[in-house]
Amino acid sequence: MSIHRFLAGSLAGGEEVSITGDELHHLRDVLRLRPGDHIVLADGAGEQFAAVLETVARDEAIACVLAPLDAPSLTRVTLFQSVLKSAKMDLVVQKVTELGVRSIVPVLAERCVAKVDGSNRETKLGRWRRVAAEAAKQCGRASVPEMCSPLEMDGAAAKMGEYAGSIVFWEEAKGASLVEALADVDAEGGVAVFIGPEGGLASHEVATLKKAGAVCAGFGDLVLRSETAAIAGVAIVSYELNRREGAC
């Protein structure tokens, strides 16, 4: 039986930690955990500890932190995802969190169907962060990927230039080789993966990303949905980086 995981704040061995809010509801009302049950607490930033519940009450649960635990290694990949409709974006955030991305950057591409503006920006960001937090707990990672504020294309291109390598998966780059695109990339500096929206990237947007140093790659002859491309792209790039380092 797996030990249940919960997110907490700053953690240190021997201290008592208060669990409240949604985490308390899940612990007490869904899982029906009781004093004496062992759990795992993660700080969301990469540290995790074994802990034991001391009390479970209406307003809070108290857990005693026992000892640090090794945290799973993560891929050095950041996903630049053009904003999708609600359910599709949630799926992408959930699955790439499970695949170990370090951060997610929503991008406001020209052909995005979903709109993000001042009236709904914080609502959408809050939802994506909750989805990422739940996925992080489910898959056993100790950190929640950073969810950046949405960027326009020029801002996204500038930010991609901060990484050692940048890959744009584009349906018109069918013959481009991902292995060749990553050949000279120092993975220690991180790799950015860019995925277009439902309607695809406009050619001038691809030109902007290439000018910032990005390299195009494709998935072959088939045209994938954006959410499929995001999951496949992150998985393939992560595998290739791990293979080069002898981790798989």
Foldseek 3Di string as FASTA:
>chain_A
DDAAEDEFADDDAFDKGKDFDPRLCCCCVVVNDAFQGWHKYFPQAFWIFIWTWHGRDDGITIIHTHGTDHFDDAFLEEEAAADAPDVLLLLLLLLVLLNGYQAYEYEPAPPHPDDADPVCQVVSQVVSQVSQNVSCRVNRGRHRHHYDRYDYLLVVLLVQLQAQAEEEEFQVQQPDDPCVRCVPGDCVRGYYYYFYAQVTHDPVSVVSNVVSPYDYYYDHNDDDGRSVCSNVVSNVVRVSVCVVVVND
